[in-house]
Protein backbone atom coordinates (compact mmCIF):
# COMPACT_ATOMS: atom_id res chain seq x y z
CA UNK A 1 -77.83 -29.09 41.30
CA UNK A 2 -74.87 -31.68 41.93
CA UNK A 3 -71.20 -30.25 41.85
CA UNK A 4 -69.21 -30.45 38.82
CA UNK A 5 -65.85 -30.76 39.07
CA UNK A 6 -64.42 -28.01 37.34
CA UNK A 7 -67.38 -25.79 37.80
CA UNK A 8 -68.77 -23.19 40.10
CA UNK A 9 -71.60 -24.07 42.45
CA UNK A 10 -74.64 -22.29 42.68
CA UNK A 11 -73.57 -20.90 46.05
CA UNK A 12 -69.86 -20.45 44.49
CA UNK A 13 -71.81 -18.62 41.53
CA UNK A 14 -73.14 -15.76 44.15
CA UNK A 15 -69.77 -14.89 45.24
CA UNK A 16 -68.68 -11.82 43.42
CA UNK A 17 -66.31 -12.43 40.74
CA UNK A 18 -62.92 -10.98 41.97
CA UNK A 19 -63.44 -13.23 44.95
CA UNK A 20 -64.11 -16.49 42.99
CA UNK A 21 -60.95 -17.74 42.95
CA UNK A 22 -59.66 -16.61 46.15
CA UNK A 23 -61.90 -17.86 48.11
CA UNK A 24 -62.94 -21.38 46.79
CA UNK A 25 -64.76 -23.01 50.36
CA UNK A 26 -62.40 -25.69 51.92
CA UNK A 27 -59.62 -27.86 50.93
CA UNK A 28 -59.45 -30.71 48.72
CA UNK A 29 -58.76 -34.20 50.57
CA UNK A 30 -55.76 -34.90 48.78
CA UNK A 31 -51.97 -35.79 50.56
CA UNK A 32 -50.44 -34.20 47.19
CA UNK A 33 -48.12 -31.07 48.55
CA UNK A 34 -49.31 -29.00 45.74
CA UNK A 35 -53.23 -28.71 47.23
CA UNK A 36 -51.71 -27.37 50.35
CA UNK A 37 -49.42 -24.60 48.16
CA UNK A 38 -52.58 -24.05 46.20
CA UNK A 39 -54.47 -23.32 49.69
CA UNK A 40 -51.85 -21.25 50.81
CA UNK A 41 -51.87 -18.88 48.06
CA UNK A 42 -55.79 -18.78 47.87
CA UNK A 43 -55.56 -17.60 51.62
CA UNK A 44 -52.48 -15.17 51.04
CA UNK A 45 -54.71 -13.81 48.29
CA UNK A 46 -57.40 -13.36 50.59
CA UNK A 47 -54.92 -11.35 53.03
CA UNK A 48 -53.56 -9.39 50.32
CA UNK A 49 -57.08 -7.80 49.36
CA UNK A 50 -58.08 -7.50 52.81
CA UNK A 51 -54.64 -5.41 53.22
CA UNK A 52 -54.98 -3.25 50.39
CA UNK A 53 -58.59 -2.35 51.40
CA UNK A 54 -57.55 -1.12 54.61
CA UNK A 55 -54.63 1.46 53.22
CA UNK A 56 -57.34 2.58 50.78
CA UNK A 57 -59.82 2.99 53.58
CA UNK A 58 -56.31 4.65 55.42
CA UNK A 59 -55.72 6.86 52.12
CA UNK A 60 -59.35 8.05 51.52
CA UNK A 61 -59.32 8.96 55.38
CA UNK A 62 -56.02 10.86 55.05
CA UNK A 63 -56.65 12.45 51.44
CA UNK A 64 -60.32 13.48 52.92
CA UNK A 65 -58.07 16.10 54.95
CA UNK A 66 -60.07 15.06 57.83
CA UNK A 67 -57.09 14.47 59.97
CA UNK A 68 -53.86 15.04 58.12
CA UNK A 69 -52.94 17.48 54.97
CA UNK A 70 -53.04 15.61 51.89
CA UNK A 71 -49.27 16.61 50.88
CA UNK A 72 -48.31 15.27 54.63
CA UNK A 73 -50.33 11.78 54.20
CA UNK A 74 -47.45 9.65 53.14
CA UNK A 75 -45.55 10.68 56.36
CA UNK A 76 -48.74 9.74 58.71
CA UNK A 77 -47.94 7.05 60.95
CA UNK A 78 -51.23 4.75 59.87
CA UNK A 79 -50.71 5.34 56.28
CA UNK A 80 -47.12 3.66 56.40
CA UNK A 81 -48.26 1.22 58.26
CA UNK A 82 -51.18 0.34 56.15
CA UNK A 83 -48.42 0.70 53.59
CA UNK A 84 -46.40 -1.57 55.00
CA UNK A 85 -48.14 -3.89 55.53
CA UNK A 86 -50.06 -4.13 52.25
CA UNK A 87 -46.37 -4.50 50.90
CA UNK A 88 -45.52 -7.47 53.21
CA UNK A 89 -48.86 -9.30 52.29
CA UNK A 90 -48.08 -9.02 48.75
CA UNK A 91 -44.71 -10.36 48.78
CA UNK A 92 -46.14 -13.31 50.94
CA UNK A 93 -48.63 -13.57 48.24
CA UNK A 94 -45.60 -13.77 45.58
CA UNK A 95 -43.63 -15.92 47.43
CA UNK A 96 -46.53 -18.57 47.96
CA UNK A 97 -46.99 -18.15 43.80
CA UNK A 98 -43.68 -19.40 42.88
CA UNK A 99 -44.35 -22.69 45.55
CA UNK A 100 -46.83 -23.24 43.04
CA UNK A 101 -44.21 -23.49 40.10
CA UNK A 102 -41.80 -24.98 42.50
CA UNK A 103 -43.97 -27.75 44.13
CA UNK A 104 -45.07 -30.65 41.66
CA UNK A 105 -48.03 -32.03 41.84
CA UNK A 106 -47.47 -35.97 42.87
CA UNK A 107 -51.42 -36.74 42.12
CA UNK A 108 -53.87 -36.24 38.81
CA UNK A 109 -56.22 -34.59 41.25
CA UNK A 110 -52.98 -32.29 41.84
CA UNK A 111 -52.54 -31.74 38.71
CA UNK A 112 -55.98 -31.17 38.05
CA UNK A 113 -56.46 -28.77 40.75
CA UNK A 114 -53.66 -26.22 40.03
CA UNK A 115 -54.33 -26.06 36.34
CA UNK A 116 -57.98 -25.44 37.61
CA UNK A 117 -56.76 -22.84 40.19
CA UNK A 118 -55.03 -20.86 37.36
CA UNK A 119 -58.09 -20.87 35.18
CA UNK A 120 -60.60 -19.98 37.80
CA UNK A 121 -58.33 -17.21 38.64
CA UNK A 122 -57.67 -15.62 35.17
CA UNK A 123 -61.38 -16.18 34.45
CA UNK A 124 -62.46 -13.80 37.49
CA UNK A 125 -59.73 -11.60 37.97
CA UNK A 126 -56.79 -9.96 36.47
CA UNK A 127 -53.65 -12.54 36.92
CA UNK A 128 -51.24 -9.83 37.23
CA UNK A 129 -52.99 -8.52 40.58
CA UNK A 130 -52.67 -13.05 41.76
CA UNK A 131 -49.46 -14.06 40.47
CA UNK A 132 -46.24 -12.23 40.38
CA UNK A 133 -44.92 -10.72 36.94
CA UNK A 134 -41.56 -12.90 36.07
CA UNK A 135 -39.56 -10.07 35.86
CA UNK A 136 -39.90 -9.36 39.71
CA UNK A 137 -39.18 -12.94 41.09
CA UNK A 138 -35.93 -12.93 39.10
CA UNK A 139 -34.26 -15.37 36.93
CA UNK A 140 -34.89 -18.74 38.61
CA UNK A 141 -37.75 -18.59 35.47
CA UNK A 142 -35.79 -17.03 32.71
CA UNK A 143 -35.96 -18.57 29.51
CA UNK A 144 -33.90 -20.83 28.37
CA UNK A 145 -32.04 -19.01 25.51
CA UNK A 146 -32.52 -15.45 24.24
CA UNK A 147 -34.18 -16.82 21.36
CA UNK A 148 -36.75 -18.23 23.43
CA UNK A 149 -40.13 -15.68 23.84
CA UNK A 150 -40.36 -14.47 27.31
CA UNK A 151 -43.45 -17.03 28.98
CA UNK A 152 -45.47 -16.00 31.43
CA UNK A 153 -47.21 -17.16 34.49
CA UNK A 154 -49.41 -19.45 33.23
CA UNK A 155 -46.74 -20.93 30.98
CA UNK A 156 -44.87 -22.13 34.12
CA UNK A 157 -47.76 -23.69 35.81
CA UNK A 158 -48.37 -25.71 32.62
CA UNK A 159 -44.56 -26.73 32.35
CA UNK A 160 -44.92 -28.09 35.96
CA UNK A 161 -47.59 -29.75 35.29
CA UNK A 162 -46.29 -31.16 32.16
CA UNK A 163 -43.53 -32.20 33.82
CA UNK A 164 -45.31 -33.91 36.69
CA UNK A 165 -47.07 -36.34 34.23
CA UNK A 166 -43.68 -36.83 32.18
CA UNK A 167 -42.73 -37.87 35.63
CA UNK A 168 -45.76 -40.07 36.36
CA UNK A 169 -45.59 -41.99 32.54
CA UNK A 170 -41.74 -42.78 32.84
CA UNK A 171 -42.55 -44.60 36.27
CA UNK A 172 -45.56 -46.00 34.10
CA UNK A 173 -42.89 -47.35 31.61
CA UNK A 174 -40.67 -48.92 34.05
CA UNK A 175 -43.27 -50.41 36.25
CA UNK A 176 -44.72 -51.72 32.63
CA UNK A 177 -41.56 -53.22 31.52
CA UNK A 178 -40.45 -56.57 33.10
CA UNK A 179 -37.13 -56.56 34.26
CA UNK A 180 -36.49 -60.33 34.96
CA UNK A 181 -36.07 -61.77 31.92
CA UNK A 182 -36.39 -65.53 32.99
CA UNK A 183 -40.32 -64.85 33.16
CA UNK A 184 -40.27 -62.68 30.03
CA UNK A 185 -42.17 -64.62 27.10
CA UNK A 186 -40.42 -65.20 24.03
CA UNK A 187 -42.09 -64.58 21.11
CA UNK A 188 -42.63 -67.39 18.69
CA UNK A 189 -42.17 -67.07 14.83
């Protein structure tokens, strides 16, 4: 079956649901910087998941009392290392998620890729696992006024794409507007 943009291929449908959005094969071929930001975030999600799986394996081993009594597991160097690695991986993932908001798409393909990536993630995973809580990432994305409701990550993704579309529209209107009045036609009554 031919691939349809925005829909999963048969090969992708065989990937477990919780890995689909974070493991799309291959980068898109475009020079839009948002594509690199999406790919970096996708890779970071995979690395974060692996770090938490390693942490869980260490916890299972230590919690089972195989090597360390349950109360002392948190002091074990293996648990500390696994916990630190998971925290670092999550911080990198969250930082790259913020890049998705700071990097404006420069092409329609890039805008579509960003929206599709976000939709794929929230359709196959818990968004709060992949995208940071806005309270955690700070005032950069706060509401503009006290009356404005708190915004979620998806709102900010859409706002980013809308800003890019507005910029393209303004640029397009500037190109369509004649600047040389000597070549502009005068309306005749």
